[in-house]
Amino acid sequence: MAATWPSGPATPEAVAAQVLGVLWFVSVTTGPWGAAAIAAAGGEETLKCEDLKLGQYICKDPKINDATQEPVNCTNYTAHVPCFPAPNITCKDFGGNETHFTGNEVGFLKPVSCRNVNGYSYKVAVALSLFLGWLGADRFYLGYPALGLLKFCTVGFCGIGSLIDFILISMQIVGPSDGSSYIIDYYGTRLIRLSITNETFRKTQLYP
């Protein structure tokens, strides 16, 4: 016996349930987990290497130099880490050549930011400023010999200059004279200065 569907009009609750089901299906098949679902089902997805989305690849943590506490091969404030596309993804390069990945091959190198350091330790600078700041040792260490000599002759400007320098160095406002950054633990507390460049998005200001 063939099943019959109710001939009455659909209730708002039923329509809402159907719409939510369709939206859920679309979000799963097209979202970041779509590639994982395709890979689990044994399918493949072909896309450009630069179009890989989060969840379709995994990148290794940068290898840190023990001396500088910055990523190895840091050049022009940028280092690169290898990224591995998910299994069963076929990636096209700029020349149109396709590469099938199994999860063990490097697909591309992701740039990560790094800093320019030149041997000045933040811990040493703070310690010198705290214990020998009245002799100008902190300024000598950071490459300011004139200010260091002035602090030495005035006993740290009678202690006031030593206190001000200790605060400025601790807050990383005063740094090495050559413009480099302090050597600080890579996963430690760092000061990030925000600046506006030509690439900064500027939100339109609305005035009443």
N, C-alpha and C. Protein backbone atom coordinates (compact mmCIF):
# COMPACT_ATOMS: atom_id res chain seq x y z
N MET A 1 0.86 -1.18 0.00
CA MET A 1 0.00 0.00 0.00
C MET A 1 0.89 1.23 0.00
N ALA A 2 0.63 2.15 -0.89
CA ALA A 2 1.42 3.37 -0.99
C ALA A 2 1.08 4.30 0.14
N ALA A 3 2.12 4.92 0.70
CA ALA A 3 1.89 5.88 1.78
C ALA A 3 1.35 7.17 1.22
N THR A 4 0.48 7.80 1.94
CA THR A 4 -0.12 9.07 1.53
C THR A 4 0.35 10.17 2.44
N TRP A 5 0.60 11.36 1.85
CA TRP A 5 1.04 12.52 2.61
C TRP A 5 -0.18 13.33 3.04
N PRO A 6 -0.13 13.93 4.18
CA PRO A 6 -1.27 14.75 4.60
C PRO A 6 -1.49 15.89 3.63
N SER A 7 -2.75 16.10 3.27
CA SER A 7 -3.09 17.12 2.27
C SER A 7 -3.26 18.49 2.88
N GLY A 8 -3.27 18.62 4.19
CA GLY A 8 -3.48 19.91 4.82
C GLY A 8 -2.26 20.80 4.68
N PRO A 9 -2.38 22.11 4.92
CA PRO A 9 -1.25 23.03 4.82
C PRO A 9 -0.22 22.77 5.90
N ALA A 10 1.04 22.98 5.56
CA ALA A 10 2.12 22.75 6.51
C ALA A 10 2.08 23.80 7.61
N THR A 11 2.36 23.35 8.81
CA THR A 11 2.36 24.27 9.95
C THR A 11 3.63 25.11 9.93
N PRO A 12 3.63 26.30 10.55
CA PRO A 12 4.86 27.13 10.60
C PRO A 12 6.02 26.41 11.26
N GLU A 13 5.73 25.57 12.26
CA GLU A 13 6.81 24.85 12.92
C GLU A 13 7.49 23.88 11.96
N ALA A 14 6.71 23.20 11.13
CA ALA A 14 7.29 22.24 10.18
C ALA A 14 8.13 22.96 9.13
N VAL A 15 7.64 24.11 8.64
CA VAL A 15 8.39 24.87 7.64
C VAL A 15 9.71 25.36 8.22
N ALA A 16 9.65 25.85 9.46
CA ALA A 16 10.87 26.34 10.10
C ALA A 16 11.88 25.22 10.29
N ALA A 17 11.41 24.02 10.65
CA ALA A 17 12.31 22.88 10.83
C ALA A 17 12.98 22.50 9.53
N GLN A 18 12.21 22.53 8.41
CA GLN A 18 12.79 22.20 7.12
C GLN A 18 13.84 23.22 6.70
N VAL A 19 13.56 24.51 6.91
CA VAL A 19 14.51 25.55 6.55
C VAL A 19 15.80 25.42 7.35
N LEU A 20 15.69 25.15 8.65
CA LEU A 20 16.87 24.98 9.48
C LEU A 20 17.68 23.77 9.04
N GLY A 21 16.99 22.70 8.63
CA GLY A 21 17.70 21.52 8.16
C GLY A 21 18.50 21.80 6.90
N VAL A 22 17.91 22.57 5.97
CA VAL A 22 18.61 22.92 4.73
C VAL A 22 19.82 23.80 5.03
N LEU A 23 19.66 24.80 5.91
CA LEU A 23 20.77 25.68 6.25
C LEU A 23 21.90 24.92 6.92
N TRP A 24 21.55 23.96 7.78
CA TRP A 24 22.59 23.17 8.44
C TRP A 24 23.36 22.33 7.43
N PHE A 25 22.67 21.73 6.47
CA PHE A 25 23.31 20.91 5.46
C PHE A 25 24.26 21.75 4.61
N VAL A 26 23.83 22.96 4.23
CA VAL A 26 24.68 23.82 3.41
C VAL A 26 25.92 24.25 4.17
N SER A 27 25.75 24.61 5.47
CA SER A 27 26.90 25.06 6.25
C SER A 27 27.92 23.95 6.46
N VAL A 28 27.47 22.70 6.59
CA VAL A 28 28.39 21.59 6.79
C VAL A 28 29.16 21.26 5.53
N THR A 29 28.48 21.26 4.40
CA THR A 29 29.12 20.85 3.14
C THR A 29 29.99 21.93 2.54
N THR A 30 29.75 23.20 2.87
CA THR A 30 30.54 24.28 2.27
C THR A 30 31.45 24.98 3.25
N GLY A 31 31.34 24.73 4.54
CA GLY A 31 32.15 25.41 5.53
C GLY A 31 33.53 24.80 5.67
N PRO A 32 34.30 25.27 6.68
CA PRO A 32 35.67 24.77 6.86
C PRO A 32 35.74 23.27 7.11
N TRP A 33 34.65 22.69 7.67
CA TRP A 33 34.66 21.26 7.93
C TRP A 33 34.24 20.46 6.71
N GLY A 34 33.88 21.16 5.62
CA GLY A 34 33.46 20.44 4.42
C GLY A 34 34.55 19.57 3.85
N ALA A 35 35.79 20.13 3.84
CA ALA A 35 36.91 19.35 3.30
C ALA A 35 37.17 18.12 4.15
N ALA A 36 37.05 18.28 5.48
CA ALA A 36 37.26 17.13 6.36
C ALA A 36 36.20 16.07 6.12
N ALA A 37 34.95 16.50 5.89
CA ALA A 37 33.88 15.55 5.62
C ALA A 37 34.11 14.84 4.29
N ILE A 38 34.57 15.58 3.30
CA ILE A 38 34.84 14.97 1.99
C ILE A 38 35.99 13.97 2.10
N ALA A 39 37.04 14.38 2.86
CA ALA A 39 38.18 13.48 3.01
C ALA A 39 37.78 12.22 3.75
N ALA A 40 36.91 12.36 4.76
CA ALA A 40 36.48 11.19 5.51
C ALA A 40 35.66 10.24 4.65
N ALA A 41 34.95 10.81 3.68
CA ALA A 41 34.14 9.99 2.81
C ALA A 41 34.93 9.39 1.66
N GLY A 42 36.24 9.75 1.59
CA GLY A 42 37.07 9.21 0.53
C GLY A 42 37.05 10.04 -0.73
N GLY A 43 36.43 11.21 -0.71
CA GLY A 43 36.39 12.05 -1.89
C GLY A 43 37.59 12.96 -1.95
N GLU A 44 37.66 13.76 -2.98
CA GLU A 44 38.76 14.68 -3.18
C GLU A 44 38.21 16.05 -3.52
N GLU A 45 39.02 17.07 -3.24
CA GLU A 45 38.65 18.44 -3.55
C GLU A 45 39.83 19.10 -4.24
N THR A 46 39.59 19.72 -5.38
CA THR A 46 40.64 20.39 -6.12
C THR A 46 40.48 21.89 -5.97
N LEU A 47 41.52 22.57 -5.52
CA LEU A 47 41.47 24.01 -5.32
C LEU A 47 42.88 24.54 -5.40
N LYS A 48 42.98 25.87 -5.47
CA LYS A 48 44.29 26.49 -5.55
C LYS A 48 44.95 26.48 -4.17
N CYS A 49 46.28 26.40 -4.17
CA CYS A 49 47.01 26.31 -2.91
C CYS A 49 46.76 27.53 -2.04
N GLU A 50 46.66 28.71 -2.66
CA GLU A 50 46.48 29.92 -1.87
C GLU A 50 45.05 30.08 -1.38
N ASP A 51 44.13 29.21 -1.83
CA ASP A 51 42.73 29.31 -1.42
C ASP A 51 42.37 28.32 -0.32
N LEU A 52 43.35 27.63 0.24
CA LEU A 52 43.05 26.70 1.32
C LEU A 52 42.50 27.45 2.53
N LYS A 53 41.47 26.89 3.13
CA LYS A 53 40.83 27.52 4.27
C LYS A 53 41.32 26.89 5.57
N LEU A 54 41.06 27.60 6.66
CA LEU A 54 41.42 27.09 7.97
C LEU A 54 40.67 25.78 8.22
N GLY A 55 41.38 24.75 8.61
CA GLY A 55 40.79 23.43 8.79
C GLY A 55 41.15 22.50 7.65
N GLN A 56 41.63 23.07 6.52
CA GLN A 56 42.07 22.25 5.40
C GLN A 56 43.58 22.07 5.38
N TYR A 57 44.27 22.68 6.33
CA TYR A 57 45.71 22.50 6.44
C TYR A 57 46.11 22.73 7.89
N ILE A 58 47.32 22.29 8.22
CA ILE A 58 47.87 22.49 9.55
C ILE A 58 49.32 22.94 9.39
N CYS A 59 49.71 23.94 10.19
CA CYS A 59 51.06 24.49 10.11
C CYS A 59 51.82 24.18 11.39
N LYS A 60 53.10 23.91 11.24
CA LYS A 60 53.94 23.65 12.40
C LYS A 60 54.28 24.95 13.12
N ASP A 61 54.58 24.83 14.40
CA ASP A 61 55.06 25.99 15.15
C ASP A 61 56.46 26.35 14.67
N PRO A 62 56.79 27.63 14.68
CA PRO A 62 58.13 28.03 14.22
C PRO A 62 59.22 27.50 15.15
N LYS A 63 60.35 27.16 14.56
CA LYS A 63 61.51 26.74 15.35
C LYS A 63 62.20 27.97 15.91
N ILE A 64 62.35 28.02 17.24
CA ILE A 64 62.85 29.21 17.91
C ILE A 64 64.34 29.11 18.15
N ASN A 65 65.06 30.18 17.82
CA ASN A 65 66.49 30.27 18.10
C ASN A 65 66.68 30.57 19.58
N ASP A 66 67.45 29.74 20.26
CA ASP A 66 67.63 29.92 21.71
C ASP A 66 68.32 31.23 22.05
N ALA A 67 69.20 31.71 21.17
CA ALA A 67 69.96 32.92 21.47
C ALA A 67 69.12 34.18 21.26
N THR A 68 68.33 34.21 20.20
CA THR A 68 67.55 35.41 19.88
C THR A 68 66.10 35.32 20.33
N GLN A 69 65.62 34.12 20.63
CA GLN A 69 64.21 33.91 20.99
C GLN A 69 63.28 34.39 19.88
N GLU A 70 63.73 34.24 18.65
CA GLU A 70 62.93 34.56 17.47
C GLU A 70 62.97 33.36 16.53
N PRO A 71 61.99 33.27 15.61
CA PRO A 71 62.00 32.15 14.67
C PRO A 71 63.29 32.09 13.87
N VAL A 72 63.73 30.88 13.59
CA VAL A 72 64.94 30.68 12.79
C VAL A 72 64.70 31.23 11.38
N ASN A 73 65.76 31.74 10.77
CA ASN A 73 65.71 32.30 9.42
C ASN A 73 64.78 33.51 9.35
N CYS A 74 64.79 34.33 10.40
CA CYS A 74 64.00 35.56 10.39
C CYS A 74 64.71 36.59 9.53
N THR A 75 64.05 37.05 8.47
CA THR A 75 64.62 38.03 7.54
C THR A 75 63.57 39.08 7.24
N ASN A 76 63.96 40.35 7.39
CA ASN A 76 63.04 41.46 7.11
C ASN A 76 61.74 41.32 7.91
N TYR A 77 61.89 40.97 9.18
CA TYR A 77 60.76 40.86 10.11
C TYR A 77 59.77 39.76 9.72
N THR A 78 60.22 38.79 8.92
CA THR A 78 59.33 37.72 8.48
C THR A 78 60.08 36.39 8.47
N ALA A 79 59.43 35.36 9.00
CA ALA A 79 59.92 34.00 8.91
C ALA A 79 58.81 33.14 8.29
N HIS A 80 59.14 31.92 7.92
CA HIS A 80 58.17 31.05 7.26
C HIS A 80 58.12 29.69 7.95
N VAL A 81 56.91 29.16 8.07
CA VAL A 81 56.71 27.83 8.67
C VAL A 81 56.01 26.94 7.63
N PRO A 82 56.35 25.64 7.60
CA PRO A 82 55.71 24.73 6.63
C PRO A 82 54.29 24.39 7.03
N CYS A 83 53.41 24.31 6.03
CA CYS A 83 52.01 23.94 6.24
C CYS A 83 51.69 22.71 5.41
N PHE A 84 50.88 21.80 6.00
CA PHE A 84 50.56 20.53 5.38
C PHE A 84 49.06 20.48 5.08
N PRO A 85 48.67 20.43 3.80
CA PRO A 85 47.24 20.28 3.47
C PRO A 85 46.67 18.96 3.99
N ALA A 86 45.37 18.94 4.19
CA ALA A 86 44.70 17.74 4.69
C ALA A 86 44.76 16.63 3.64
N PRO A 87 44.62 15.37 4.06
CA PRO A 87 44.64 14.26 3.10
C PRO A 87 43.50 14.39 2.08
N ASN A 88 43.75 13.82 0.88
CA ASN A 88 42.77 13.76 -0.20
C ASN A 88 42.40 15.15 -0.72
N ILE A 89 43.33 16.08 -0.64
CA ILE A 89 43.15 17.40 -1.26
C ILE A 89 44.11 17.50 -2.43
N THR A 90 43.60 17.90 -3.57
CA THR A 90 44.42 18.11 -4.75
C THR A 90 44.55 19.61 -4.96
N CYS A 91 45.79 20.08 -4.95
CA CYS A 91 46.04 21.51 -4.96
C CYS A 91 46.67 21.92 -6.29
N LYS A 92 46.21 23.04 -6.83
CA LYS A 92 46.77 23.59 -8.05
C LYS A 92 47.72 24.74 -7.71
N ASP A 93 48.87 24.76 -8.41
CA ASP A 93 49.78 25.88 -8.22
C ASP A 93 49.49 26.94 -9.27
N PHE A 94 50.31 27.99 -9.29
CA PHE A 94 50.07 29.09 -10.22
C PHE A 94 50.20 28.66 -11.68
N GLY A 95 50.97 27.61 -11.92
CA GLY A 95 51.13 27.13 -13.29
C GLY A 95 50.05 26.16 -13.73
N GLY A 96 49.10 25.86 -12.84
CA GLY A 96 48.03 24.94 -13.18
C GLY A 96 48.35 23.49 -12.91
N ASN A 97 49.54 23.21 -12.39
CA ASN A 97 49.92 21.82 -12.09
C ASN A 97 49.23 21.36 -10.81
N GLU A 98 48.72 20.15 -10.83
CA GLU A 98 47.99 19.61 -9.69
C GLU A 98 48.88 18.69 -8.87
N THR A 99 48.72 18.77 -7.55
CA THR A 99 49.46 17.92 -6.62
C THR A 99 48.48 17.30 -5.65
N HIS A 100 48.52 15.99 -5.53
CA HIS A 100 47.64 15.27 -4.60
C HIS A 100 48.37 15.09 -3.27
N PHE A 101 47.73 15.50 -2.20
CA PHE A 101 48.36 15.46 -0.88
C PHE A 101 47.78 14.32 -0.05
N THR A 102 48.64 13.73 0.75
CA THR A 102 48.22 12.66 1.67
C THR A 102 48.30 13.09 3.12
N GLY A 103 48.69 14.34 3.37
CA GLY A 103 48.79 14.85 4.73
C GLY A 103 50.21 14.91 5.24
N ASN A 104 51.18 14.39 4.47
CA ASN A 104 52.58 14.37 4.91
C ASN A 104 53.46 15.28 4.09
N GLU A 105 52.93 15.89 3.02
CA GLU A 105 53.72 16.74 2.16
C GLU A 105 53.50 18.22 2.51
N VAL A 106 54.56 19.00 2.35
CA VAL A 106 54.46 20.45 2.57
C VAL A 106 53.76 21.09 1.38
N GLY A 107 52.66 21.78 1.64
CA GLY A 107 51.92 22.41 0.56
C GLY A 107 52.38 23.83 0.27
N PHE A 108 52.70 24.57 1.33
CA PHE A 108 53.15 25.95 1.15
C PHE A 108 53.82 26.40 2.44
N LEU A 109 54.46 27.54 2.38
CA LEU A 109 55.11 28.14 3.54
C LEU A 109 54.32 29.36 3.98
N LYS A 110 53.94 29.38 5.24
CA LYS A 110 53.14 30.48 5.76
C LYS A 110 54.04 31.50 6.45
N PRO A 111 53.93 32.79 6.08
CA PRO A 111 54.76 33.80 6.74
C PRO A 111 54.27 34.10 8.15
N VAL A 112 55.21 34.25 9.07
CA VAL A 112 54.92 34.66 10.45
C VAL A 112 55.82 35.84 10.78
N SER A 113 55.32 36.74 11.57
CA SER A 113 56.08 37.94 11.91
C SER A 113 57.16 37.62 12.94
N CYS A 114 58.26 38.33 12.86
CA CYS A 114 59.34 38.20 13.84
C CYS A 114 59.97 39.58 14.03
N ARG A 115 60.87 39.67 15.00
CA ARG A 115 61.45 40.97 15.35
C ARG A 115 62.95 40.97 15.10
N ASN A 116 63.49 42.18 14.94
CA ASN A 116 64.92 42.35 14.74
C ASN A 116 65.58 42.57 16.10
N VAL A 117 66.43 41.64 16.50
CA VAL A 117 67.14 41.74 17.78
C VAL A 117 68.64 41.80 17.52
N ASN A 118 69.35 42.42 18.46
CA ASN A 118 70.79 42.61 18.27
C ASN A 118 71.57 42.36 19.56
N GLY A 119 71.08 41.42 20.36
CA GLY A 119 71.84 41.01 21.53
C GLY A 119 71.50 41.72 22.82
N TYR A 120 70.52 42.61 22.83
CA TYR A 120 70.15 43.32 24.05
C TYR A 120 69.03 42.56 24.77
N SER A 121 69.34 42.09 25.97
CA SER A 121 68.38 41.30 26.74
C SER A 121 67.51 42.21 27.59
N TYR A 122 66.23 41.95 27.55
CA TYR A 122 65.29 42.74 28.37
C TYR A 122 65.52 42.50 29.85
N LYS A 123 65.78 41.28 30.24
CA LYS A 123 66.01 40.97 31.66
C LYS A 123 67.25 41.66 32.18
N VAL A 124 68.32 41.68 31.38
CA VAL A 124 69.56 42.34 31.81
C VAL A 124 69.34 43.84 31.94
N ALA A 125 68.63 44.44 30.98
CA ALA A 125 68.38 45.88 31.01
C ALA A 125 67.58 46.27 32.25
N VAL A 126 66.55 45.50 32.59
CA VAL A 126 65.74 45.80 33.77
C VAL A 126 66.56 45.63 35.04
N ALA A 127 67.39 44.58 35.11
CA ALA A 127 68.21 44.36 36.31
C ALA A 127 69.22 45.48 36.49
N LEU A 128 69.86 45.91 35.41
CA LEU A 128 70.82 47.01 35.52
C LEU A 128 70.14 48.30 35.94
N SER A 129 68.96 48.53 35.40
CA SER A 129 68.24 49.75 35.76
C SER A 129 67.80 49.75 37.21
N LEU A 130 67.46 48.58 37.72
CA LEU A 130 66.98 48.48 39.10
C LEU A 130 68.12 48.62 40.12
N PHE A 131 69.24 47.94 39.87
CA PHE A 131 70.31 47.89 40.87
C PHE A 131 71.44 48.89 40.60
N LEU A 132 71.72 49.18 39.34
CA LEU A 132 72.84 50.08 39.02
C LEU A 132 72.40 51.27 38.18
N GLY A 133 71.11 51.55 38.21
CA GLY A 133 70.62 52.68 37.42
C GLY A 133 71.18 54.00 37.89
N TRP A 134 71.47 54.12 39.17
CA TRP A 134 72.00 55.39 39.69
C TRP A 134 73.42 55.65 39.20
N LEU A 135 74.07 54.61 38.64
CA LEU A 135 75.39 54.78 38.03
C LEU A 135 75.33 54.90 36.51
N GLY A 136 74.13 54.82 35.96
CA GLY A 136 73.97 54.94 34.51
C GLY A 136 74.30 53.66 33.76
N ALA A 137 74.37 52.52 34.47
CA ALA A 137 74.74 51.26 33.81
C ALA A 137 73.71 50.85 32.76
N ASP A 138 72.44 51.14 33.03
CA ASP A 138 71.40 50.76 32.07
C ASP A 138 71.54 51.51 30.77
N ARG A 139 71.86 52.81 30.86
CA ARG A 139 72.02 53.62 29.64
C ARG A 139 73.28 53.22 28.88
N PHE A 140 74.36 52.91 29.59
CA PHE A 140 75.57 52.43 28.93
C PHE A 140 75.28 51.12 28.19
N TYR A 141 74.55 50.23 28.83
CA TYR A 141 74.24 48.92 28.23
C TYR A 141 73.41 49.07 26.97
N LEU A 142 72.45 50.00 26.98
CA LEU A 142 71.54 50.16 25.84
C LEU A 142 72.13 51.03 24.73
N GLY A 143 73.33 51.57 24.95
CA GLY A 143 73.99 52.33 23.89
C GLY A 143 73.77 53.83 23.96
N TYR A 144 73.55 54.34 25.16
CA TYR A 144 73.41 55.79 25.35
C TYR A 144 74.52 56.26 26.29
N PRO A 145 75.76 56.34 25.80
CA PRO A 145 76.88 56.68 26.70
C PRO A 145 76.79 58.09 27.28
N ALA A 146 76.28 59.04 26.54
CA ALA A 146 76.19 60.41 27.06
C ALA A 146 75.25 60.48 28.26
N LEU A 147 74.07 59.89 28.12
CA LEU A 147 73.12 59.88 29.23
C LEU A 147 73.64 59.03 30.39
N GLY A 148 74.34 57.95 30.06
CA GLY A 148 74.92 57.12 31.12
C GLY A 148 75.95 57.89 31.92
N LEU A 149 76.81 58.65 31.24
CA LEU A 149 77.82 59.43 31.94
C LEU A 149 77.17 60.54 32.77
N LEU A 150 76.11 61.14 32.24
CA LEU A 150 75.42 62.20 32.97
C LEU A 150 74.77 61.63 34.23
N LYS A 151 74.17 60.46 34.14
CA LYS A 151 73.57 59.82 35.32
C LYS A 151 74.65 59.43 36.33
N PHE A 152 75.82 59.01 35.83
CA PHE A 152 76.91 58.63 36.73
C PHE A 152 77.42 59.83 37.52
N CYS A 153 77.53 60.98 36.84
CA CYS A 153 78.06 62.17 37.51
C CYS A 153 77.04 62.80 38.46
N THR A 154 75.76 62.58 38.23
CA THR A 154 74.72 63.20 39.07
C THR A 154 74.04 62.18 39.98
N VAL A 155 74.61 60.97 40.06
CA VAL A 155 74.03 59.89 40.87
C VAL A 155 72.57 59.67 40.47
N GLY A 156 72.40 59.46 39.18
CA GLY A 156 71.05 59.17 38.66
C GLY A 156 70.10 60.34 38.82
N PHE A 157 70.64 61.58 38.57
CA PHE A 157 69.82 62.78 38.75
C PHE A 157 69.16 62.77 40.13
N CYS A 158 70.01 62.47 41.12
CA CYS A 158 69.56 62.41 42.52
C CYS A 158 68.47 61.37 42.73
N GLY A 159 68.52 60.31 41.95
CA GLY A 159 67.56 59.21 42.11
C GLY A 159 66.31 59.35 41.29
N ILE A 160 65.97 60.58 40.89
CA ILE A 160 64.73 60.77 40.12
C ILE A 160 64.88 60.20 38.72
N GLY A 161 66.01 60.46 38.08
CA GLY A 161 66.25 59.94 36.75
C GLY A 161 66.32 58.42 36.73
N SER A 162 66.88 57.84 37.79
CA SER A 162 66.95 56.37 37.86
C SER A 162 65.56 55.76 37.94
N LEU A 163 64.69 56.38 38.72
CA LEU A 163 63.33 55.86 38.83
C LEU A 163 62.58 55.98 37.52
N ILE A 164 62.74 57.12 36.84
CA ILE A 164 62.06 57.32 35.55
C ILE A 164 62.56 56.31 34.51
N ASP A 165 63.88 56.12 34.46
CA ASP A 165 64.44 55.16 33.50
C ASP A 165 63.98 53.74 33.80
N PHE A 166 63.88 53.38 35.08
CA PHE A 166 63.43 52.04 35.43
C PHE A 166 62.00 51.81 34.93
N ILE A 167 61.15 52.82 35.08
CA ILE A 167 59.77 52.69 34.60
C ILE A 167 59.74 52.59 33.08
N LEU A 168 60.51 53.44 32.40
CA LEU A 168 60.51 53.45 30.93
C LEU A 168 61.06 52.15 30.35
N ILE A 169 62.12 51.62 30.97
CA ILE A 169 62.71 50.37 30.47
C ILE A 169 61.80 49.19 30.79
N SER A 170 61.20 49.19 31.96
CA SER A 170 60.30 48.08 32.32
C SER A 170 59.10 48.03 31.40
N MET A 171 58.60 49.19 30.97
CA MET A 171 57.45 49.24 30.06
C MET A 171 57.87 49.10 28.61
N GLN A 172 59.17 48.89 28.35
CA GLN A 172 59.73 48.72 27.00
C GLN A 172 59.50 49.96 26.14
N ILE A 173 59.40 51.11 26.78
CA ILE A 173 59.30 52.37 26.03
C ILE A 173 60.68 52.81 25.57
N VAL A 174 61.67 52.65 26.43
CA VAL A 174 63.06 52.91 26.07
C VAL A 174 63.70 51.58 25.69
N GLY A 175 64.26 51.53 24.49
CA GLY A 175 64.89 50.31 24.00
C GLY A 175 66.31 50.58 23.57
N PRO A 176 66.95 49.62 22.91
CA PRO A 176 68.33 49.80 22.45
C PRO A 176 68.45 50.98 21.49
N SER A 177 69.60 51.62 21.51
CA SER A 177 69.80 52.81 20.69
C SER A 177 69.84 52.52 19.20
N ASP A 178 70.14 51.28 18.81
CA ASP A 178 70.21 50.96 17.38
C ASP A 178 68.85 50.65 16.77
N GLY A 179 67.79 50.78 17.56
CA GLY A 179 66.44 50.55 17.02
C GLY A 179 65.99 49.11 17.04
N SER A 180 66.83 48.21 17.51
CA SER A 180 66.44 46.81 17.58
C SER A 180 65.53 46.57 18.77
N SER A 181 65.00 45.36 18.86
CA SER A 181 64.09 44.99 19.94
C SER A 181 64.84 44.23 21.02
N TYR A 182 64.24 44.20 22.19
CA TYR A 182 64.82 43.41 23.28
C TYR A 182 64.71 41.92 22.98
N ILE A 183 65.64 41.14 23.52
CA ILE A 183 65.52 39.69 23.49
C ILE A 183 64.60 39.28 24.64
N ILE A 184 63.41 38.81 24.30
CA ILE A 184 62.42 38.40 25.28
C ILE A 184 61.97 36.99 24.90
N ASP A 185 61.64 36.19 25.89
CA ASP A 185 61.15 34.83 25.62
C ASP A 185 60.05 34.88 24.58
N TYR A 186 60.14 33.98 23.59
CA TYR A 186 59.20 34.03 22.47
C TYR A 186 57.76 33.90 22.93
N TYR A 187 57.51 33.10 23.93
CA TYR A 187 56.17 32.93 24.46
C TYR A 187 55.97 33.74 25.75
N GLY A 188 56.82 34.74 25.95
CA GLY A 188 56.70 35.58 27.12
C GLY A 188 55.86 36.83 26.82
N THR A 189 55.87 37.76 27.78
CA THR A 189 55.10 38.99 27.66
C THR A 189 55.87 39.99 26.83
N ARG A 190 55.25 40.47 25.77
CA ARG A 190 55.89 41.43 24.88
C ARG A 190 55.00 42.64 24.67
N LEU A 191 55.64 43.76 24.36
CA LEU A 191 54.90 44.97 24.05
C LEU A 191 54.72 45.05 22.55
N ILE A 192 53.48 45.19 22.11
CA ILE A 192 53.17 45.32 20.68
C ILE A 192 52.64 46.72 20.46
N ARG A 193 53.37 47.50 19.70
CA ARG A 193 52.96 48.86 19.41
C ARG A 193 52.07 48.89 18.18
N LEU A 194 50.93 49.54 18.31
CA LEU A 194 50.00 49.66 17.21
C LEU A 194 50.29 50.93 16.43
N SER A 195 50.28 50.84 15.13
CA SER A 195 50.55 51.99 14.28
C SER A 195 49.61 51.97 13.08
N ILE A 196 49.40 53.12 12.50
CA ILE A 196 48.53 53.26 11.33
C ILE A 196 49.39 53.35 10.08
N THR A 197 49.12 52.47 9.12
CA THR A 197 49.82 52.47 7.84
C THR A 197 48.80 52.61 6.71
N ASN A 198 49.31 52.55 5.49
CA ASN A 198 48.41 52.65 4.33
C ASN A 198 47.50 51.44 4.21
N GLU A 199 47.86 50.33 4.89
CA GLU A 199 47.05 49.13 4.84
C GLU A 199 46.08 49.03 6.01
N THR A 200 46.08 50.02 6.89
CA THR A 200 45.19 50.01 8.05
C THR A 200 43.77 50.36 7.61
N PHE A 201 42.81 49.55 8.06
CA PHE A 201 41.41 49.82 7.74
C PHE A 201 40.92 50.93 8.66
N ARG A 202 40.38 51.97 8.06
CA ARG A 202 39.89 53.11 8.81
C ARG A 202 38.36 53.15 8.72
N LYS A 203 37.73 52.98 9.83
CA LYS A 203 36.27 52.99 9.87
C LYS A 203 35.75 54.41 9.76
N THR A 204 34.73 54.58 8.96
CA THR A 204 34.15 55.90 8.75
C THR A 204 33.54 56.43 10.05
N GLN A 205 33.93 57.64 10.41
CA GLN A 205 33.42 58.24 11.63
C GLN A 205 32.07 58.91 11.35
N LEU A 206 31.12 58.62 12.20
CA LEU A 206 29.79 59.23 12.08
C LEU A 206 29.63 60.28 13.14
N TYR A 207 29.32 61.49 12.71
CA TYR A 207 29.15 62.59 13.64
C TYR A 207 27.67 62.98 13.71
N PRO A 208 27.19 63.33 14.87
CA PRO A 208 25.75 63.70 15.00
C PRO A 208 25.46 65.03 14.29
